[in-house]
Amino acid sequence: MDKSKIEKYGDELYDALINRKAVAPLTDREADITIEDAYQIQQRMIQRRLDAGETIIGKKIGVTSKVVMDMLKVSQPDFGMMTSGMVFNEGESIDTSTMIAPRAEAEVAFVLKSDLMGPGVTAADVLRATDFVVPCFEIVDSRIQDWKIKIQDTVADNASCGVLVLGGRRKSPADIDLALAGMVLEKNGEIISTSTGAAVQGSPVNAVAWLANTLGNLGIGLKAGEVILSGSQSPLVPVKAGDSLVCTVGGLGGTSVRFI
């Protein structure tokens, strides 16, 4: 795909984000769009956010579960960039009118104390580089109409990033077995799902290692101080004003979010 089309679609997705108006799937309009094209479009979309004054504060891993991989017909996860305009703290409410079609997913976030630069990063390297982990919600949102996405669509749309809510409970990953830690997700007081960290690439730690190695092959590192979202351990849960969610991770604690 030539540069003019890359810029066109990146600008279109940025405008969709700002105006909260979804666009037709890119894969319906560009039959031969590749994953590489999609990541270039993502970079253009992110650059527009940086030009508007935001900064990169971390990275996210998406498409980590087998169910979603099968849905998108892919065999590995994808990634997106987290910016300063996406961050909410525990206790803050999220205004659903600022999004298009929000869906929540519960996961574990890693906050790094040292850089990770792949290839060759192992799970042990991830544990050594991590300052602490926290339970979190990512509220994903798609700028693609009706969530009719193929892998190229979601990659171009910055892995369907919306906003994230970081919990206040911090713990060293050395003090908890994240693969075995159970997670319970509740919506409006009702249990929606239960899972363990093993649902994410065998362990959230493995998912972060995958991200470090994948980005390392592109010359991009994970930086000290960055927040790394390790991938959803829950189904995508549609949310609307008035909803509240609670996520609890065994041995780590919980976090909550309310929508207005």
Protein backbone atom coordinates (compact mmCIF):
# COMPACT_ATOMS: atom_id res chain seq x y z
CA MET A 1 0.00 0.00 0.00
CA ASP A 2 1.45 3.38 -0.96
CA LYS A 3 2.16 6.19 1.50
CA SER A 4 -0.80 8.30 0.44
CA LYS A 5 -3.26 5.51 1.28
CA ILE A 6 -1.49 4.79 4.58
CA GLU A 7 -1.89 8.43 5.57
CA LYS A 8 -5.47 8.59 4.29
CA TYR A 9 -6.66 5.65 6.38
CA GLY A 10 -4.66 6.69 9.44
CA ASP A 11 -6.18 10.17 9.28
CA GLU A 12 -9.64 8.67 8.74
CA LEU A 13 -9.36 6.53 11.86
CA TYR A 14 -8.06 9.47 13.89
CA ASP A 15 -10.98 11.61 12.74
CA ALA A 16 -13.35 8.75 13.65
CA LEU A 17 -11.83 8.72 17.14
CA ILE A 18 -12.19 12.47 17.60
CA ASN A 19 -15.67 12.72 16.10
CA ARG A 20 -16.92 9.40 17.59
CA LYS A 21 -18.23 8.30 14.22
CA ALA A 22 -17.35 4.82 12.94
CA VAL A 23 -16.11 4.09 9.43
CA ALA A 24 -16.54 1.17 7.05
CA PRO A 25 -14.10 -1.74 7.48
CA LEU A 26 -10.81 -1.16 5.69
CA THR A 27 -10.82 -4.80 4.58
CA ASP A 28 -14.05 -4.14 2.65
CA ARG A 29 -12.34 -1.35 0.73
CA GLU A 30 -8.82 -2.74 0.31
CA ALA A 31 -8.99 -6.45 -0.50
CA ASP A 32 -5.20 -6.86 -0.48
CA ILE A 33 -4.42 -4.92 2.71
CA THR A 34 -1.69 -6.69 4.71
CA ILE A 35 -0.88 -6.80 8.41
CA GLU A 36 2.20 -4.70 7.63
CA ASP A 37 0.01 -2.08 5.92
CA ALA A 38 -2.27 -2.09 8.95
CA TYR A 39 0.58 -1.41 11.37
CA GLN A 40 1.73 1.50 9.22
CA ILE A 41 -1.81 2.90 9.34
CA GLN A 42 -1.76 2.45 13.12
CA GLN A 43 1.49 4.41 13.30
CA ARG A 44 -0.08 7.26 11.33
CA MET A 45 -3.12 7.30 13.63
CA ILE A 46 -0.89 7.36 16.73
CA GLN A 47 1.27 10.11 15.26
CA ARG A 48 -1.85 12.26 14.94
CA ARG A 49 -2.49 11.77 18.66
CA LEU A 50 1.12 12.66 19.48
CA ASP A 51 0.90 15.75 17.29
CA ALA A 52 -2.15 16.78 19.35
CA GLY A 53 -0.07 16.69 22.54
CA GLU A 54 -0.41 13.14 23.87
CA THR A 55 2.55 10.94 24.79
CA ILE A 56 3.17 7.18 24.63
CA ILE A 57 2.78 5.70 28.12
CA GLY A 58 2.84 2.02 27.24
CA LYS A 59 1.77 -0.79 24.95
CA LYS A 60 -1.03 -3.34 24.84
CA ILE A 61 -1.38 -6.89 23.65
CA GLY A 62 -4.59 -7.92 21.95
CA VAL A 63 -6.08 -11.10 20.49
CA THR A 64 -4.49 -13.29 23.15
CA SER A 65 -7.28 -15.83 23.62
CA LYS A 66 -7.92 -18.77 21.31
CA VAL A 67 -11.56 -17.75 20.90
CA VAL A 68 -10.64 -14.33 19.51
CA MET A 69 -7.80 -15.77 17.41
CA ASP A 70 -10.23 -18.21 15.82
CA MET A 71 -12.74 -15.41 15.21
CA LEU A 72 -10.14 -13.28 13.41
CA LYS A 73 -8.47 -16.31 11.77
CA VAL A 74 -5.00 -15.53 13.12
CA SER A 75 -2.40 -17.56 14.98
CA GLN A 76 -0.74 -14.87 17.11
CA PRO A 77 -1.68 -11.74 19.09
CA ASP A 78 -1.46 -8.14 17.91
CA PHE A 79 -0.35 -4.96 19.65
CA GLY A 80 -1.23 -1.31 20.03
CA MET A 81 0.13 1.83 21.66
CA MET A 82 -1.26 3.34 24.85
CA THR A 83 -1.25 7.13 25.12
CA SER A 84 -1.60 9.59 27.98
CA GLY A 85 -5.11 10.48 26.83
CA MET A 86 -6.33 6.94 27.55
CA VAL A 87 -5.56 6.65 31.27
CA PHE A 88 -8.13 6.64 34.07
CA ASN A 89 -7.41 5.89 37.71
CA GLU A 90 -9.47 3.67 39.97
CA GLY A 91 -12.56 5.52 41.19
CA GLU A 92 -12.88 7.76 38.14
CA SER A 93 -16.03 7.34 36.05
CA ILE A 94 -15.93 6.90 32.28
CA ASP A 95 -18.30 8.88 30.12
CA THR A 96 -19.65 6.48 27.49
CA SER A 97 -20.63 9.37 25.22
CA THR A 98 -16.92 9.89 24.50
CA MET A 99 -16.76 6.45 22.86
CA ILE A 100 -18.50 4.69 19.96
CA ALA A 101 -19.25 1.11 21.05
CA PRO A 102 -17.31 0.43 24.26
CA ARG A 103 -16.64 -3.07 25.56
CA ALA A 104 -14.72 -3.88 28.73
CA GLU A 105 -12.14 -6.57 29.34
CA ALA A 106 -10.29 -7.41 32.54
CA GLU A 107 -6.58 -8.11 32.65
CA VAL A 108 -3.30 -7.57 34.48
CA ALA A 109 -1.08 -4.58 33.77
CA PHE A 110 2.70 -4.64 34.18
CA VAL A 111 4.59 -1.46 35.08
CA LEU A 112 8.27 -1.71 34.15
CA LYS A 113 11.28 -0.57 36.17
CA SER A 114 13.80 -1.27 33.42
CA ASP A 115 13.81 -1.51 29.63
CA LEU A 116 13.03 -4.70 27.73
CA MET A 117 14.40 -4.97 24.23
CA GLY A 118 13.84 -8.08 22.15
CA PRO A 119 14.48 -10.40 20.48
CA GLY A 120 15.54 -12.98 23.03
CA VAL A 121 13.46 -11.73 25.97
CA THR A 122 12.35 -14.56 28.31
CA ALA A 123 9.66 -14.78 30.98
CA ALA A 124 12.41 -14.48 33.59
CA ASP A 125 13.59 -11.24 31.95
CA VAL A 126 10.04 -9.88 32.16
CA LEU A 127 9.84 -10.66 35.88
CA ARG A 128 13.19 -8.96 36.54
CA ALA A 129 12.17 -5.86 34.55
CA THR A 130 8.75 -5.44 36.18
CA ASP A 131 8.32 -3.00 39.07
CA PHE A 132 4.79 -4.15 39.93
CA VAL A 133 1.57 -5.54 38.50
CA VAL A 134 -1.97 -4.24 39.02
CA PRO A 135 -5.44 -5.45 38.06
CA CYS A 136 -6.93 -3.27 35.35
CA PHE A 137 -9.73 -2.78 32.88
CA GLU A 138 -9.21 -1.95 29.25
CA ILE A 139 -12.30 -0.41 27.73
CA VAL A 140 -11.83 -1.25 24.08
CA ASP A 141 -13.65 0.64 21.36
CA SER A 142 -13.78 0.16 17.62
CA ARG A 143 -13.76 2.93 15.08
CA ILE A 144 -14.91 0.26 12.60
CA GLN A 145 -18.66 0.09 12.09
CA ASP A 146 -20.49 -2.48 14.24
CA TRP A 147 -17.24 -4.19 15.28
CA LYS A 148 -17.13 -5.90 11.87
CA ILE A 149 -13.39 -6.39 12.09
CA LYS A 150 -10.79 -8.62 10.57
CA ILE A 151 -7.29 -8.64 11.99
CA GLN A 152 -6.13 -5.89 9.59
CA ASP A 153 -9.00 -3.64 10.70
CA THR A 154 -8.28 -3.90 14.41
CA VAL A 155 -4.51 -3.55 13.92
CA ALA A 156 -4.97 -0.38 11.85
CA ASP A 157 -7.35 0.91 14.53
CA ASN A 158 -4.57 0.67 17.17
CA ALA A 159 -5.73 -2.76 18.32
CA SER A 160 -9.15 -1.26 19.11
CA CYS A 161 -7.69 0.72 22.03
CA GLY A 162 -10.13 2.83 24.00
CA VAL A 163 -9.15 3.74 27.55
CA LEU A 164 -7.70 1.89 30.54
CA VAL A 165 -8.40 1.92 34.26
CA LEU A 166 -5.49 0.99 36.52
CA GLY A 167 -6.21 -0.53 39.92
CA GLY A 168 -4.57 0.77 43.07
CA ARG A 169 -3.36 -2.62 44.36
CA ARG A 170 0.30 -3.11 43.47
CA LYS A 171 2.33 -6.29 43.85
CA SER A 172 5.63 -7.67 42.66
CA PRO A 173 5.07 -10.38 40.05
CA ALA A 174 7.60 -12.47 41.98
CA ASP A 175 5.07 -12.68 44.83
CA ILE A 176 2.19 -14.11 42.79
CA ASP A 177 1.83 -16.95 40.29
CA LEU A 178 0.05 -15.03 37.54
CA ALA A 179 -0.60 -18.18 35.51
CA LEU A 180 -2.59 -19.77 38.32
CA ALA A 181 -4.15 -16.64 39.84
CA GLY A 182 -7.92 -16.72 39.41
CA MET A 183 -9.83 -13.74 38.04
CA VAL A 184 -13.50 -13.00 38.67
CA LEU A 185 -15.34 -10.35 36.65
CA GLU A 186 -18.63 -8.94 37.92
CA LYS A 187 -21.04 -6.64 36.09
CA ASN A 188 -23.68 -4.85 38.14
CA GLY A 189 -23.17 -7.36 40.95
CA GLU A 190 -23.47 -10.46 38.77
CA ILE A 191 -20.53 -12.75 37.98
CA ILE A 192 -19.84 -12.59 34.23
CA SER A 193 -16.72 -14.74 33.95
CA THR A 194 -14.05 -16.61 35.84
CA SER A 195 -10.61 -17.47 34.49
CA THR A 196 -6.93 -17.84 35.29
CA GLY A 197 -3.89 -16.12 33.85
CA ALA A 198 -3.07 -19.30 31.95
CA ALA A 199 -5.78 -18.27 29.46
CA VAL A 200 -3.36 -15.61 28.19
CA GLN A 201 -0.55 -17.35 26.29
CA GLY A 202 -0.07 -19.73 29.24
CA SER A 203 0.70 -16.77 31.52
CA PRO A 204 0.51 -12.97 31.29
CA VAL A 205 4.28 -13.00 31.75
CA ASN A 206 4.67 -14.98 28.51
CA ALA A 207 2.45 -12.49 26.72
CA VAL A 208 4.69 -9.59 27.76
CA ALA A 209 7.76 -11.53 26.59
CA TRP A 210 6.04 -12.10 23.22
CA LEU A 211 5.37 -8.39 22.93
CA ALA A 212 8.95 -7.44 23.79
CA ASN A 213 10.31 -9.85 21.18
CA THR A 214 7.81 -8.88 18.49
CA LEU A 215 8.44 -5.16 18.95
CA GLY A 216 12.16 -5.79 19.26
CA ASN A 217 12.17 -7.23 15.75
CA LEU A 218 10.74 -3.88 14.64
CA GLY A 219 13.37 -1.91 16.54
CA ILE A 220 10.91 -0.86 19.28
CA GLY A 221 11.61 -1.47 22.96
CA LEU A 222 9.48 -1.58 26.09
CA LYS A 223 10.65 1.30 28.29
CA ALA A 224 11.10 1.69 32.02
CA GLY A 225 8.00 3.31 33.48
CA GLU A 226 5.71 2.08 30.74
CA VAL A 227 2.41 0.33 31.39
CA ILE A 228 2.07 -2.96 29.51
CA LEU A 229 -1.39 -4.50 29.21
CA SER A 230 -0.90 -8.26 29.01
CA GLY A 231 -4.15 -9.29 27.32
CA SER A 232 -7.72 -9.92 28.33
CA GLN A 233 -8.59 -12.73 30.71
CA SER A 234 -12.32 -12.10 30.25
CA PRO A 235 -14.83 -11.97 27.41
CA LEU A 236 -15.57 -8.59 25.85
CA VAL A 237 -18.41 -7.12 27.90
CA PRO A 238 -20.55 -4.39 26.27
CA VAL A 239 -21.08 -1.46 28.65
CA LYS A 240 -23.40 1.53 28.82
CA ALA A 241 -24.10 4.42 31.16
CA GLY A 242 -25.14 3.14 34.58
CA ASP A 243 -23.07 -0.05 34.44
CA SER A 244 -20.39 -0.88 36.98
CA LEU A 245 -17.71 -3.57 36.82
CA VAL A 246 -15.49 -5.19 39.43
CA CYS A 247 -12.46 -7.34 38.63
CA THR A 248 -10.77 -9.38 41.36
CA VAL A 249 -7.50 -11.30 40.93
CA GLY A 250 -6.54 -13.90 43.52
CA GLY A 251 -3.49 -12.77 45.49
CA LEU A 252 -3.47 -9.36 43.82
CA GLY A 253 -6.75 -7.69 44.73
CA GLY A 254 -9.32 -5.93 42.62
CA THR A 255 -10.34 -2.81 40.80
CA SER A 256 -13.61 -1.31 39.70
CA VAL A 257 -15.01 1.07 37.12
CA ARG A 258 -18.30 2.89 36.68
CA PHE A 259 -19.82 4.24 33.48
CA ILE A 260 -21.85 7.41 33.16
